[in-house]
Amino acid sequence: MDAKKIVLLVGALIIAITTALLARSMLSSSGAPQVNAAAMPDADQPHVLVATKALPVGTILDAESFRFQPWPKDLIEQVYYLKGQADPAKLAGSVVRNDISAGQPLTQGSLIKPGDRGFLAAALGAGMRAVTVPVSAQSSVAGFVFPGDRVDLVLTQSVAGGGDGAPLKVSETILRNLRVLATDQRTDAMGPDGKPVVQTYSNVTIEVTPKIAEKIAVAQTVGSLSLSLRSIADTASDLDAAIAGSDVALPDGSDPKAEKSILAKLAARPVDRGSTFSTGADVSRYQRSSVPAKADAAMPQMMGAAGPVVGAAVPRGPVIRIARGTSVTEVPVGGK
């Protein structure tokens, strides 16, 4: 290979290396402004309060129902809750008036705050009623029942005729899966610092159907009522039992939205069937388990020759009436 070819080859190699270095420098310099340009608008963008999950009508908001999210300036509306202008702690306990999808901004017209007119009516589901039940500190789970929780209603009463003059003690779970709307006049469990406040109360407002409202009105006159706080997992077990029963009609086909809607309604409905009970004998052997059979105050009588025969068995089947003077005796056919 001669010297001329070697020089040309070395020159081409130098030009290729130089071109590659220039291209790399241009790409790196053009990438840096893009990162800064993307970061600058995000820092300057306003933050809007949006829903973290789907919020149907009647949902009671808590601290996990919303969060602040950057939002384009051109799409900001005056009804939005903006960061720095709205206090999220004051929105906890509000009720959703209109359906809000996940990621959709919360508006001032879509929420009703506690104390506003129509607050309780907005918290109720379609066809539901609000009923207030008086409770004591012992019967209200020591104040650990908060708005939005699910409870069971237990009726305790004394039934006359328990034996030896003592009444029969009975406790019965008459209603299950009831949603708590308010405790006393509080619809939010949060205090001024944003943390749950445990305090005793004397009244609990729950959401029920019209038929269950009638049952609760009667139950208050029968005995004393107490609350039993439900676990979140219990709702799932009741849902499985409802699906397995014949009172639930699932939609035909494979529409996941329709199935999800029906399952959500089933999980939220109160239950007034399949009540369980316990008597005094279940907790103490000195208590009875049932009311004893009552002796007949007016025992059936038969008329004999000398007058009525007290305690005689009532004839069954065909009988013959024998009259002797003013007395009548009934004798079964085949008897003496």
C-alpha atoms as a PDB file:
ATOM      1  CA  MET A   1       0.000   0.000   0.000  1.00  0.00           C
ATOM      2  CA  ASP A   2       1.481   3.347  -1.006  1.00  0.00           C
ATOM      3  CA  ALA A   3       1.700   6.457   1.154  1.00  0.00           C
ATOM      4  CA  LYS A   4      -1.074   8.297  -0.690  1.00  0.00           C
ATOM      5  CA  LYS A   5      -3.696   5.641   0.156  1.00  0.00           C
ATOM      6  CA  ILE A   6      -2.607   5.578   3.777  1.00  0.00           C
ATOM      7  CA  VAL A   7      -3.041   9.342   4.084  1.00  0.00           C
ATOM      8  CA  LEU A   8      -6.532   9.183   2.553  1.00  0.00           C
ATOM      9  CA  LEU A   9      -7.575   6.382   4.917  1.00  0.00           C
ATOM     10  CA  VAL A  10      -6.336   8.232   8.001  1.00  0.00           C
ATOM     11  CA  GLY A  11      -8.112  11.408   6.879  1.00  0.00           C
ATOM     12  CA  ALA A  12     -11.424   9.579   6.382  1.00  0.00           C
ATOM     13  CA  LEU A  13     -11.112   8.018   9.838  1.00  0.00           C
ATOM     14  CA  ILE A  14     -10.475  11.421  11.447  1.00  0.00           C
ATOM     15  CA  ILE A  15     -13.501  12.931   9.665  1.00  0.00           C
ATOM     16  CA  ALA A  16     -15.774  10.032  10.848  1.00  0.00           C
ATOM     17  CA  ILE A  17     -14.660  10.417  14.465  1.00  0.00           C
ATOM     18  CA  THR A  18     -15.147  14.171  14.354  1.00  0.00           C
ATOM     19  CA  THR A  19     -18.638  13.791  12.872  1.00  0.00           C
ATOM     20  CA  ALA A  20     -19.670  11.311  15.584  1.00  0.00           C
ATOM     21  CA  LEU A  21     -18.454  13.612  18.369  1.00  0.00           C
ATOM     22  CA  LEU A  22     -20.324  16.576  16.906  1.00  0.00           C
ATOM     23  CA  ALA A  23     -23.542  14.572  16.584  1.00  0.00           C
ATOM     24  CA  ARG A  24     -23.295  13.389  20.183  1.00  0.00           C
ATOM     25  CA  SER A  25     -22.691  16.927  21.417  1.00  0.00           C
ATOM     26  CA  MET A  26     -25.714  18.226  19.488  1.00  0.00           C
ATOM     27  CA  LEU A  27     -28.013  15.500  20.867  1.00  0.00           C
ATOM     28  CA  SER A  28     -26.952  16.054  24.470  1.00  0.00           C
ATOM     29  CA  SER A  29     -27.341  19.825  24.217  1.00  0.00           C
ATOM     30  CA  SER A  30     -30.819  19.518  22.664  1.00  0.00           C
ATOM     31  CA  GLY A  31     -32.030  17.049  25.365  1.00  0.00           C
ATOM     32  CA  ALA A  32     -31.275  19.292  28.340  1.00  0.00           C
ATOM     33  CA  PRO A  33     -33.673  22.115  27.412  1.00  0.00           C
ATOM     34  CA  GLN A  34     -36.481  19.612  26.946  1.00  0.00           C
ATOM     35  CA  VAL A  35     -36.140  18.358  30.521  1.00  0.00           C
ATOM     36  CA  ASN A  36     -36.069  21.881  31.902  1.00  0.00           C
ATOM     37  CA  ALA A  37     -38.992  22.918  29.731  1.00  0.00           C
ATOM     38  CA  ALA A  38     -41.058  20.000  31.003  1.00  0.00           C
ATOM     39  CA  ALA A  39     -40.177  20.665  34.603  1.00  0.00           C
ATOM     40  CA  MET A  40     -40.854  24.396  34.599  1.00  0.00           C
ATOM     41  CA  PRO A  41     -44.544  24.289  33.580  1.00  0.00           C
ATOM     42  CA  ASP A  42     -45.284  21.519  36.114  1.00  0.00           C
ATOM     43  CA  ALA A  43     -43.974  23.673  38.935  1.00  0.00           C
ATOM     44  CA  ASP A  44     -46.001  26.658  37.793  1.00  0.00           C
ATOM     45  CA  GLN A  45     -49.224  24.720  37.132  1.00  0.00           C
ATOM     46  CA  PRO A  46     -52.099  25.122  39.606  1.00  0.00           C
ATOM     47  CA  HIS A  47     -53.176  22.084  41.610  1.00  0.00           C
ATOM     48  CA  VAL A  48     -56.834  21.072  41.594  1.00  0.00           C
ATOM     49  CA  LEU A  49     -58.647  18.782  44.044  1.00  0.00           C
ATOM     50  CA  VAL A  50     -59.693  15.612  42.155  1.00  0.00           C
ATOM     51  CA  ALA A  51     -61.419  12.369  43.177  1.00  0.00           C
ATOM     52  CA  THR A  52     -59.122   9.411  43.806  1.00  0.00           C
ATOM     53  CA  LYS A  53     -61.961   6.945  43.114  1.00  0.00           C
ATOM     54  CA  ALA A  54     -65.490   6.909  41.729  1.00  0.00           C
ATOM     55  CA  LEU A  55     -67.817   8.816  44.076  1.00  0.00           C
ATOM     56  CA  PRO A  56     -71.507   8.014  43.518  1.00  0.00           C
ATOM     57  CA  VAL A  57     -74.329  10.176  44.810  1.00  0.00           C
ATOM     58  CA  GLY A  58     -74.647  10.045  48.609  1.00  0.00           C
ATOM     59  CA  THR A  59     -70.993   9.174  49.291  1.00  0.00           C
ATOM     60  CA  ILE A  60     -69.635  10.657  52.516  1.00  0.00           C
ATOM     61  CA  LEU A  61     -66.147  11.975  51.780  1.00  0.00           C
ATOM     62  CA  ASP A  62     -63.124  11.089  53.880  1.00  0.00           C
ATOM     63  CA  ALA A  63     -59.449  12.046  53.668  1.00  0.00           C
ATOM     64  CA  GLU A  64     -58.749   9.288  51.109  1.00  0.00           C
ATOM     65  CA  SER A  65     -61.503  10.326  48.692  1.00  0.00           C
ATOM     66  CA  PHE A  66     -59.556  13.194  47.042  1.00  0.00           C
ATOM     67  CA  ARG A  67     -56.087  14.622  46.412  1.00  0.00           C
ATOM     68  CA  PHE A  68     -54.473  17.618  44.701  1.00  0.00           C
ATOM     69  CA  GLN A  69     -53.259  17.136  41.133  1.00  0.00           C
ATOM     70  CA  PRO A  70     -51.598  19.508  38.622  1.00  0.00           C
ATOM     71  CA  TRP A  71     -54.095  20.941  36.142  1.00  0.00           C
ATOM     72  CA  PRO A  72     -53.627  23.030  32.967  1.00  0.00           C
ATOM     73  CA  LYS A  73     -54.152  26.751  33.507  1.00  0.00           C
ATOM     74  CA  ASP A  74     -56.389  27.060  30.471  1.00  0.00           C
ATOM     75  CA  LEU A  75     -58.836  24.484  31.904  1.00  0.00           C
ATOM     76  CA  ILE A  76     -59.181  25.999  35.383  1.00  0.00           C
ATOM     77  CA  GLU A  77     -62.760  26.849  36.386  1.00  0.00           C
ATOM     78  CA  GLN A  78     -63.874  29.093  39.231  1.00  0.00           C
ATOM     79  CA  VAL A  79     -65.849  26.235  40.846  1.00  0.00           C
ATOM     80  CA  TYR A  80     -62.727  24.086  41.321  1.00  0.00           C
ATOM     81  CA  TYR A  81     -60.981  23.683  44.676  1.00  0.00           C
ATOM     82  CA  LEU A  82     -57.440  25.042  44.204  1.00  0.00           C
ATOM     83  CA  LYS A  83     -54.433  24.278  46.347  1.00  0.00           C
ATOM     84  CA  GLY A  84     -53.699  27.152  48.684  1.00  0.00           C
ATOM     85  CA  GLN A  85     -57.277  28.426  48.504  1.00  0.00           C
ATOM     86  CA  ALA A  86     -59.269  25.392  49.734  1.00  0.00           C
ATOM     87  CA  ASP A  87     -58.817  23.479  53.003  1.00  0.00           C
ATOM     88  CA  PRO A  88     -59.232  19.718  52.357  1.00  0.00           C
ATOM     89  CA  ALA A  89     -59.780  19.040  56.071  1.00  0.00           C
ATOM     90  CA  LYS A  90     -63.021  21.044  55.950  1.00  0.00           C
ATOM     91  CA  LEU A  91     -64.344  18.973  53.034  1.00  0.00           C
ATOM     92  CA  ALA A  92     -64.116  15.671  54.911  1.00  0.00           C
ATOM     93  CA  GLY A  93     -67.620  14.628  55.909  1.00  0.00           C
ATOM     94  CA  SER A  94     -69.276  16.357  52.958  1.00  0.00           C
ATOM     95  CA  VAL A  95     -71.764  14.443  50.823  1.00  0.00           C
ATOM     96  CA  VAL A  96     -71.562  14.003  47.052  1.00  0.00           C
ATOM     97  CA  ARG A  97     -74.591  15.524  45.316  1.00  0.00           C
ATOM     98  CA  ASN A  98     -73.673  14.486  41.739  1.00  0.00           C
ATOM     99  CA  ASP A  99     -71.708  11.479  40.480  1.00  0.00           C
ATOM    100  CA  ILE A 100     -67.965  12.150  40.272  1.00  0.00           C
ATOM    101  CA  SER A 101     -65.658   9.894  38.249  1.00  0.00           C
ATOM    102  CA  ALA A 102     -62.148   8.962  39.360  1.00  0.00           C
ATOM    103  CA  GLY A 103     -59.717  11.719  38.393  1.00  0.00           C
ATOM    104  CA  GLN A 104     -62.482  14.279  37.847  1.00  0.00           C
ATOM    105  CA  PRO A 105     -62.152  17.633  39.677  1.00  0.00           C
ATOM    106  CA  LEU A 106     -64.451  18.253  42.630  1.00  0.00           C
ATOM    107  CA  THR A 107     -66.662  21.286  42.184  1.00  0.00           C
ATOM    108  CA  GLN A 108     -68.338  23.457  44.791  1.00  0.00           C
ATOM    109  CA  GLY A 109     -71.774  22.583  43.435  1.00  0.00           C
ATOM    110  CA  SER A 110     -71.181  18.822  43.585  1.00  0.00           C
ATOM    111  CA  LEU A 111     -70.711  18.722  47.375  1.00  0.00           C
ATOM    112  CA  ILE A 112     -72.990  19.475  50.319  1.00  0.00           C
ATOM    113  CA  LYS A 113     -71.253  20.294  53.578  1.00  0.00           C
ATOM    114  CA  PRO A 114     -72.570  19.309  57.024  1.00  0.00           C
ATOM    115  CA  GLY A 115     -75.093  21.828  58.226  1.00  0.00           C
ATOM    116  CA  ASP A 116     -76.161  22.863  54.732  1.00  0.00           C
ATOM    117  CA  ARG A 117     -79.806  22.554  53.783  1.00  0.00           C
ATOM    118  CA  GLY A 118     -80.600  19.165  52.272  1.00  0.00           C
ATOM    119  CA  PHE A 119     -77.415  17.543  53.603  1.00  0.00           C
ATOM    120  CA  LEU A 120     -79.064  14.453  55.080  1.00  0.00           C
ATOM    121  CA  ALA A 121     -81.391  14.006  52.099  1.00  0.00           C
ATOM    122  CA  ALA A 122     -78.372  14.027  49.775  1.00  0.00           C
ATOM    123  CA  ALA A 123     -76.622  11.402  51.897  1.00  0.00           C
ATOM    124  CA  LEU A 124     -79.525   8.973  51.492  1.00  0.00           C
ATOM    125  CA  GLY A 125     -79.630   6.507  48.640  1.00  0.00           C
ATOM    126  CA  ALA A 126     -82.615   6.251  46.329  1.00  0.00           C
ATOM    127  CA  GLY A 127     -85.653   4.874  48.168  1.00  0.00           C
ATOM    128  CA  MET A 128     -83.895   4.907  51.546  1.00  0.00           C
ATOM    129  CA  ARG A 129     -84.869   6.572  54.827  1.00  0.00           C
ATOM    130  CA  ALA A 130     -82.970   8.039  57.795  1.00  0.00           C
ATOM    131  CA  VAL A 131     -83.847   6.778  61.282  1.00  0.00           C
ATOM    132  CA  THR A 132     -82.354   7.939  64.575  1.00  0.00           C
ATOM    133  CA  VAL A 133     -81.767   5.298  67.254  1.00  0.00           C
ATOM    134  CA  PRO A 134     -81.056   6.248  70.902  1.00  0.00           C
ATOM    135  CA  VAL A 135     -78.024   4.445  72.316  1.00  0.00           C
ATOM    136  CA  SER A 136     -75.855   4.541  75.435  1.00  0.00           C
ATOM    137  CA  ALA A 137     -72.083   4.559  75.807  1.00  0.00           C
ATOM    138  CA  GLN A 138     -72.095   0.793  76.368  1.00  0.00           C
ATOM    139  CA  SER A 139     -74.441   0.035  73.462  1.00  0.00           C
ATOM    140  CA  SER A 140     -72.619   2.258  70.945  1.00  0.00           C
ATOM    141  CA  VAL A 141     -69.229   0.462  70.970  1.00  0.00           C
ATOM    142  CA  ALA A 142     -67.830   3.127  73.311  1.00  0.00           C
ATOM    143  CA  GLY A 143     -67.946   5.811  70.616  1.00  0.00           C
ATOM    144  CA  PHE A 144     -65.895   3.893  68.039  1.00  0.00           C
ATOM    145  CA  VAL A 145     -68.737   3.902  65.486  1.00  0.00           C
ATOM    146  CA  PHE A 146     -68.187   6.680  62.937  1.00  0.00           C
ATOM    147  CA  PRO A 147     -70.271   7.994  60.022  1.00  0.00           C
ATOM    148  CA  GLY A 148     -69.837   5.700  57.054  1.00  0.00           C
ATOM    149  CA  ASP A 149     -69.361   2.547  59.152  1.00  0.00           C
ATOM    150  CA  ARG A 150     -71.612  -0.503  58.885  1.00  0.00           C
ATOM    151  CA  VAL A 151     -73.334  -1.852  61.998  1.00  0.00           C
ATOM    152  CA  ASP A 152     -75.781  -4.536  63.110  1.00  0.00           C
ATOM    153  CA  LEU A 153     -78.733  -3.743  65.365  1.00  0.00           C
ATOM    154  CA  VAL A 154     -79.247  -5.968  68.423  1.00  0.00           C
ATOM    155  CA  LEU A 155     -82.524  -6.064  70.404  1.00  0.00           C
ATOM    156  CA  THR A 156     -82.436  -7.170  74.057  1.00  0.00           C
ATOM    157  CA  GLN A 157     -85.684  -7.853  75.898  1.00  0.00           C
ATOM    158  CA  SER A 158     -87.271  -9.810  78.735  1.00  0.00           C
ATOM    159  CA  VAL A 159     -90.077 -12.237  77.878  1.00  0.00           C
ATOM    160  CA  ALA A 160     -92.633 -12.959  80.584  1.00  0.00           C
ATOM    161  CA  GLY A 161     -93.105 -16.570  81.709  1.00  0.00           C
ATOM    162  CA  GLY A 162     -89.507 -17.646  82.078  1.00  0.00           C
ATOM    163  CA  GLY A 163     -90.377 -19.899  85.026  1.00  0.00           C
ATOM    164  CA  ASP A 164     -90.558 -19.377  88.827  1.00  0.00           C
ATOM    165  CA  GLY A 165     -91.739 -15.842  88.192  1.00  0.00           C
ATOM    166  CA  ALA A 166     -88.509 -14.828  86.474  1.00  0.00           C
ATOM    167  CA  PRO A 167     -88.605 -13.454  82.892  1.00  0.00           C
ATOM    168  CA  LEU A 168     -86.760 -15.029  79.976  1.00  0.00           C
ATOM    169  CA  LYS A 169     -83.739 -12.989  78.847  1.00  0.00           C
ATOM    170  CA  VAL A 170     -83.367 -12.819  75.055  1.00  0.00           C
ATOM    171  CA  SER A 171     -80.952 -10.940  72.793  1.00  0.00           C
ATOM    172  CA  GLU A 172     -81.541 -10.981  69.030  1.00  0.00           C
ATOM    173  CA  THR A 173     -79.728  -9.521  66.010  1.00  0.00           C
ATOM    174  CA  ILE A 174     -82.682  -8.137  64.103  1.00  0.00           C
ATOM    175  CA  LEU A 175     -80.941  -6.052  61.369  1.00  0.00           C
ATOM    176  CA  ARG A 176     -77.558  -6.233  59.664  1.00  0.00           C
ATOM    177  CA  ASN A 177     -75.343  -4.118  57.413  1.00  0.00           C
ATOM    178  CA  LEU A 178     -76.831  -0.718  58.279  1.00  0.00           C
ATOM    179  CA  ARG A 179     -74.895   2.374  57.146  1.00  0.00           C
ATOM    180  CA  VAL A 180     -74.268   5.034  59.791  1.00  0.00           C
ATOM    181  CA  LEU A 181     -75.052   8.536  58.536  1.00  0.00           C
ATOM    182  CA  ALA A 182     -74.354  10.556  61.673  1.00  0.00           C
ATOM    183  CA  THR A 183     -73.636  10.253  65.378  1.00  0.00           C
ATOM    184  CA  ASP A 184     -75.622  12.822  67.323  1.00  0.00           C
ATOM    185  CA  GLN A 185     -75.303  15.768  64.908  1.00  0.00           C
ATOM    186  CA  ARG A 186     -71.838  14.921  63.601  1.00  0.00           C
ATOM    187  CA  THR A 187     -71.423  13.583  60.078  1.00  0.00           C
ATOM    188  CA  ASP A 188     -67.620  13.624  60.180  1.00  0.00           C
ATOM    189  CA  ALA A 189     -65.323  11.655  62.462  1.00  0.00           C
ATOM    190  CA  MET A 190     -62.431  14.117  62.015  1.00  0.00           C
ATOM    191  CA  GLY A 191     -61.481  16.797  64.493  1.00  0.00           C
ATOM    192  CA  PRO A 192     -59.977  20.229  63.770  1.00  0.00           C
ATOM    193  CA  ASP A 193     -56.527  18.640  63.426  1.00  0.00           C
ATOM    194  CA  GLY A 194     -57.728  16.200  60.761  1.00  0.00           C
ATOM    195  CA  LYS A 195     -57.527  13.142  63.032  1.00  0.00           C
ATOM    196  CA  PRO A 196     -60.459  10.913  64.110  1.00  0.00           C
ATOM    197  CA  VAL A 197     -62.037  11.958  67.409  1.00  0.00           C
ATOM    198  CA  VAL A 198     -63.498   9.218  69.617  1.00  0.00           C
ATOM    199  CA  GLN A 199     -66.311  10.524  71.790  1.00  0.00           C
ATOM    200  CA  THR A 200     -69.506   9.158  73.282  1.00  0.00           C
ATOM    201  CA  TYR A 201     -72.902  10.045  71.859  1.00  0.00           C
ATOM    202  CA  SER A 202     -76.549   9.357  72.624  1.00  0.00           C
ATOM    203  CA  ASN A 203     -78.092   9.098  69.131  1.00  0.00           C
ATOM    204  CA  VAL A 204     -77.093   7.372  65.918  1.00  0.00           C
ATOM    205  CA  THR A 205     -78.734   8.103  62.555  1.00  0.00           C
ATOM    206  CA  ILE A 206     -78.723   5.148  60.170  1.00  0.00           C
ATOM    207  CA  GLU A 207     -79.862   4.537  56.592  1.00  0.00           C
ATOM    208  CA  VAL A 208     -82.656   1.967  56.160  1.00  0.00           C
ATOM    209  CA  THR A 209     -85.500   0.959  53.873  1.00  0.00           C
ATOM    210  CA  PRO A 210     -89.076   2.082  54.687  1.00  0.00           C
ATOM    211  CA  LYS A 211     -89.966  -1.426  55.943  1.00  0.00           C
ATOM    212  CA  ILE A 212     -86.916  -1.583  58.190  1.00  0.00           C
ATOM    213  CA  ALA A 213     -87.792   1.876  59.538  1.00  0.00           C
ATOM    214  CA  GLU A 214     -91.102   0.449  60.736  1.00  0.00           C
ATOM    215  CA  LYS A 215     -89.337  -2.483  62.392  1.00  0.00           C
ATOM    216  CA  ILE A 216     -86.940  -0.178  64.241  1.00  0.00           C
ATOM    217  CA  ALA A 217     -89.850   1.948  65.492  1.00  0.00           C
ATOM    218  CA  VAL A 218     -91.485  -1.150  66.958  1.00  0.00           C
ATOM    219  CA  ALA A 219     -88.197  -2.538  68.317  1.00  0.00           C
ATOM    220  CA  GLN A 220     -87.634   0.621  70.389  1.00  0.00           C
ATOM    221  CA  THR A 221     -90.873  -0.115  72.284  1.00  0.00           C
ATOM    222  CA  VAL A 222     -90.079  -3.815  72.792  1.00  0.00           C
ATOM    223  CA  GLY A 223     -86.662  -3.583  74.447  1.00  0.00           C
ATOM    224  CA  SER A 224     -83.277  -1.861  74.386  1.00  0.00           C
ATOM    225  CA  LEU A 225     -81.195  -1.487  71.201  1.00  0.00           C
ATOM    226  CA  SER A 226     -77.433  -1.722  70.873  1.00  0.00           C
ATOM    227  CA  LEU A 227     -74.979  -1.485  67.981  1.00  0.00           C
ATOM    228  CA  SER A 228     -72.531  -4.108  66.784  1.00  0.00           C
ATOM    229  CA  LEU A 229     -69.737  -2.778  64.554  1.00  0.00           C
ATOM    230  CA  ARG A 230     -69.183  -4.833  61.393  1.00  0.00           C
ATOM    231  CA  SER A 231     -65.891  -5.722  59.765  1.00  0.00           C
ATOM    232  CA  ILE A 232     -65.316  -4.807  56.127  1.00  0.00           C
ATOM    233  CA  ALA A 233     -64.806  -8.509  55.330  1.00  0.00           C
ATOM    234  CA  ASP A 234     -68.289  -9.363  56.651  1.00  0.00           C
ATOM    235  CA  THR A 235     -69.885  -7.418  53.813  1.00  0.00           C
ATOM    236  CA  ALA A 236     -68.170  -9.671  51.293  1.00  0.00           C
ATOM    237  CA  SER A 237     -69.448 -12.810  53.018  1.00  0.00           C
ATOM    238  CA  ASP A 238     -73.008 -11.475  53.086  1.00  0.00           C
ATOM    239  CA  LEU A 239     -72.660 -10.617  49.410  1.00  0.00           C
ATOM    240  CA  ASP A 240     -71.694 -14.193  48.574  1.00  0.00           C
ATOM    241  CA  ALA A 241     -74.676 -15.476  50.544  1.00  0.00           C
ATOM    242  CA  ALA A 242     -77.018 -13.107  48.705  1.00  0.00           C
ATOM    243  CA  ILE A 243     -75.689 -14.190  45.312  1.00  0.00           C
ATOM    244  CA  ALA A 244     -76.094 -17.854  46.245  1.00  0.00           C
ATOM    245  CA  GLY A 245     -79.691 -17.220  47.321  1.00  0.00           C
ATOM    246  CA  SER A 246     -82.682 -16.951  45.060  1.00  0.00           C
ATOM    247  CA  ASP A 247     -83.477 -13.297  45.849  1.00  0.00           C
ATOM    248  CA  VAL A 248     -80.738 -11.932  43.590  1.00  0.00           C
ATOM    249  CA  ALA A 249     -81.054 -11.856  39.801  1.00  0.00           C
ATOM    250  CA  LEU A 250     -77.702 -11.263  38.117  1.00  0.00           C
ATOM    251  CA  PRO A 251     -77.748  -9.757  34.602  1.00  0.00           C
ATOM    252  CA  ASP A 252     -77.651 -12.036  31.591  1.00  0.00           C
ATOM    253  CA  GLY A 253     -74.593 -12.049  29.400  1.00  0.00           C
ATOM    254  CA  SER A 254     -71.113 -10.875  30.294  1.00  0.00           C
ATOM    255  CA  ASP A 255     -71.496  -7.142  30.935  1.00  0.00           C
ATOM    256  CA  PRO A 256     -68.907  -6.361  33.639  1.00  0.00           C
ATOM    257  CA  LYS A 257     -70.296  -2.871  34.282  1.00  0.00           C
ATOM    258  CA  ALA A 258     -73.822  -4.178  34.956  1.00  0.00           C
ATOM    259  CA  GLU A 259     -72.494  -6.904  37.255  1.00  0.00           C
ATOM    260  CA  LYS A 260     -70.301  -4.422  39.131  1.00  0.00           C
ATOM    261  CA  SER A 261     -73.250  -2.066  39.615  1.00  0.00           C
ATOM    262  CA  ILE A 262     -75.497  -4.829  41.000  1.00  0.00           C
ATOM    263  CA  LEU A 263     -72.774  -6.142  43.306  1.00  0.00           C
ATOM    264  CA  ALA A 264     -72.203  -2.640  44.685  1.00  0.00           C
ATOM    265  CA  LYS A 265     -75.920  -2.254  45.414  1.00  0.00           C
ATOM    266  CA  LEU A 266     -76.068  -5.655  47.109  1.00  0.00           C
ATOM    267  CA  ALA A 267     -73.082  -4.846  49.309  1.00  0.00           C
ATOM    268  CA  ALA A 268     -74.716  -1.588  50.426  1.00  0.00           C
ATOM    269  CA  ARG A 269     -78.238  -2.808  51.148  1.00  0.00           C
ATOM    270  CA  PRO A 270     -79.400  -3.463  54.729  1.00  0.00           C
ATOM    271  CA  VAL A 271     -80.496  -6.986  55.639  1.00  0.00           C
ATOM    272  CA  ASP A 272     -83.509  -7.870  57.802  1.00  0.00           C
ATOM    273  CA  ARG A 273     -83.539 -11.630  57.238  1.00  0.00           C
ATOM    274  CA  GLY A 274     -81.877 -14.565  58.936  1.00  0.00           C
ATOM    275  CA  SER A 275     -81.738 -13.021  62.400  1.00  0.00           C
ATOM    276  CA  THR A 276     -79.926 -14.883  65.165  1.00  0.00           C
ATOM    277  CA  PHE A 277     -80.690 -14.884  68.900  1.00  0.00           C
ATOM    278  CA  SER A 278     -79.290 -15.951  72.247  1.00  0.00           C
ATOM    279  CA  THR A 279     -81.128 -16.655  75.508  1.00  0.00           C
ATOM    280  CA  GLY A 280     -80.090 -16.660  79.134  1.00  0.00           C
ATOM    281  CA  ALA A 281     -79.224 -20.376  78.988  1.00  0.00           C
ATOM    282  CA  ASP A 282     -76.554 -19.630  76.344  1.00  0.00           C
ATOM    283  CA  VAL A 283     -74.512 -17.659  78.881  1.00  0.00           C
ATOM    284  CA  SER A 284     -75.555 -19.184  82.209  1.00  0.00           C
ATOM    285  CA  ARG A 285     -76.816 -22.621  83.170  1.00  0.00           C
ATOM    286  CA  TYR A 286     -79.075 -21.033  85.778  1.00  0.00           C
ATOM    287  CA  GLN A 287     -81.108 -19.291  83.080  1.00  0.00           C
ATOM    288  CA  ARG A 288     -83.824 -20.789  80.924  1.00  0.00           C
ATOM    289  CA  SER A 289     -83.564 -21.332  77.177  1.00  0.00           C
ATOM    290  CA  SER A 290     -87.274 -21.006  76.400  1.00  0.00           C
ATOM    291  CA  VAL A 291     -90.597 -20.118  77.933  1.00  0.00           C
ATOM    292  CA  PRO A 292     -92.207 -23.235  79.522  1.00  0.00           C
ATOM    293  CA  ALA A 293     -95.570 -24.421  78.268  1.00  0.00           C
ATOM    294  CA  LYS A 294     -98.392 -22.768  80.149  1.00  0.00           C
ATOM    295  CA  ALA A 295    -100.968 -24.946  81.917  1.00  0.00           C
ATOM    296  CA  ASP A 296    -104.518 -24.462  80.691  1.00  0.00           C
ATOM    297  CA  ALA A 297    -106.383 -22.150  83.012  1.00  0.00           C
ATOM    298  CA  ALA A 298    -109.680 -23.624  81.859  1.00  0.00           C
ATOM    299  CA  MET A 299    -109.101 -27.353  81.579  1.00  0.00           C
ATOM    300  CA  PRO A 300    -111.606 -29.166  79.365  1.00  0.00           C
ATOM    301  CA  GLN A 301    -114.386 -30.755  81.379  1.00  0.00           C
ATOM    302  CA  MET A 302    -116.703 -33.670  80.810  1.00  0.00           C
ATOM    303  CA  MET A 303    -120.164 -33.960  82.212  1.00  0.00           C
ATOM    304  CA  GLY A 304    -120.621 -37.014  84.382  1.00  0.00           C
ATOM    305  CA  ALA A 305    -123.646 -38.475  86.161  1.00  0.00           C
ATOM    306  CA  ALA A 306    -122.839 -36.464  89.263  1.00  0.00           C
ATOM    307  CA  GLY A 307    -121.803 -33.302  87.389  1.00  0.00           C
ATOM    308  CA  PRO A 308    -118.768 -32.119  85.500  1.00  0.00           C
ATOM    309  CA  VAL A 309    -115.660 -34.254  85.613  1.00  0.00           C
ATOM    310  CA  VAL A 310    -112.642 -31.929  85.919  1.00  0.00           C
ATOM    311  CA  GLY A 311    -109.484 -32.981  84.112  1.00  0.00           C
ATOM    312  CA  ALA A 312    -111.145 -35.619  81.984  1.00  0.00           C
ATOM    313  CA  ALA A 313    -109.851 -35.985  78.479  1.00  0.00           C
ATOM    314  CA  VAL A 314    -111.807 -34.384  75.724  1.00  0.00           C
ATOM    315  CA  PRO A 315    -113.511 -37.096  73.619  1.00  0.00           C
ATOM    316  CA  ARG A 316    -112.158 -37.470  70.100  1.00  0.00           C
ATOM    317  CA  GLY A 317    -114.022 -39.065  67.245  1.00  0.00           C
ATOM    318  CA  PRO A 318    -117.717 -39.980  67.321  1.00  0.00           C
ATOM    319  CA  VAL A 319    -119.423 -39.736  70.721  1.00  0.00           C
ATOM    320  CA  ILE A 320    -122.800 -40.677  72.232  1.00  0.00           C
ATOM    321  CA  ARG A 321    -124.532 -38.140  74.462  1.00  0.00           C
ATOM    322  CA  ILE A 322    -126.444 -39.791  77.347  1.00  0.00           C
ATOM    323  CA  ALA A 323    -128.964 -37.612  79.167  1.00  0.00           C
ATOM    324  CA  ARG A 324    -129.934 -38.475  82.764  1.00  0.00           C
ATOM    325  CA  GLY A 325    -132.295 -35.878  84.048  1.00  0.00           C
ATOM    326  CA  THR A 326    -130.547 -32.524  83.681  1.00  0.00           C
ATOM    327  CA  SER A 327    -127.028 -33.955  83.242  1.00  0.00           C
ATOM    328  CA  VAL A 328    -125.556 -34.956  79.885  1.00  0.00           C
ATOM    329  CA  THR A 329    -122.596 -37.282  79.515  1.00  0.00           C
ATOM    330  CA  GLU A 330    -120.508 -37.726  76.358  1.00  0.00           C
ATOM    331  CA  VAL A 331    -119.216 -41.285  75.868  1.00  0.00           C
ATOM    332  CA  PRO A 332    -116.909 -42.167  72.962  1.00  0.00           C
ATOM    333  CA  VAL A 333    -118.210 -44.854  70.664  1.00  0.00           C
ATOM    334  CA  GLY A 334    -116.826 -48.155  71.932  1.00  0.00           C
ATOM    335  CA  GLY A 335    -116.294 -46.796  75.437  1.00  0.00           C
ATOM    336  CA  LYS A 336    -118.110 -47.717  78.648  1.00  0.00           C
END
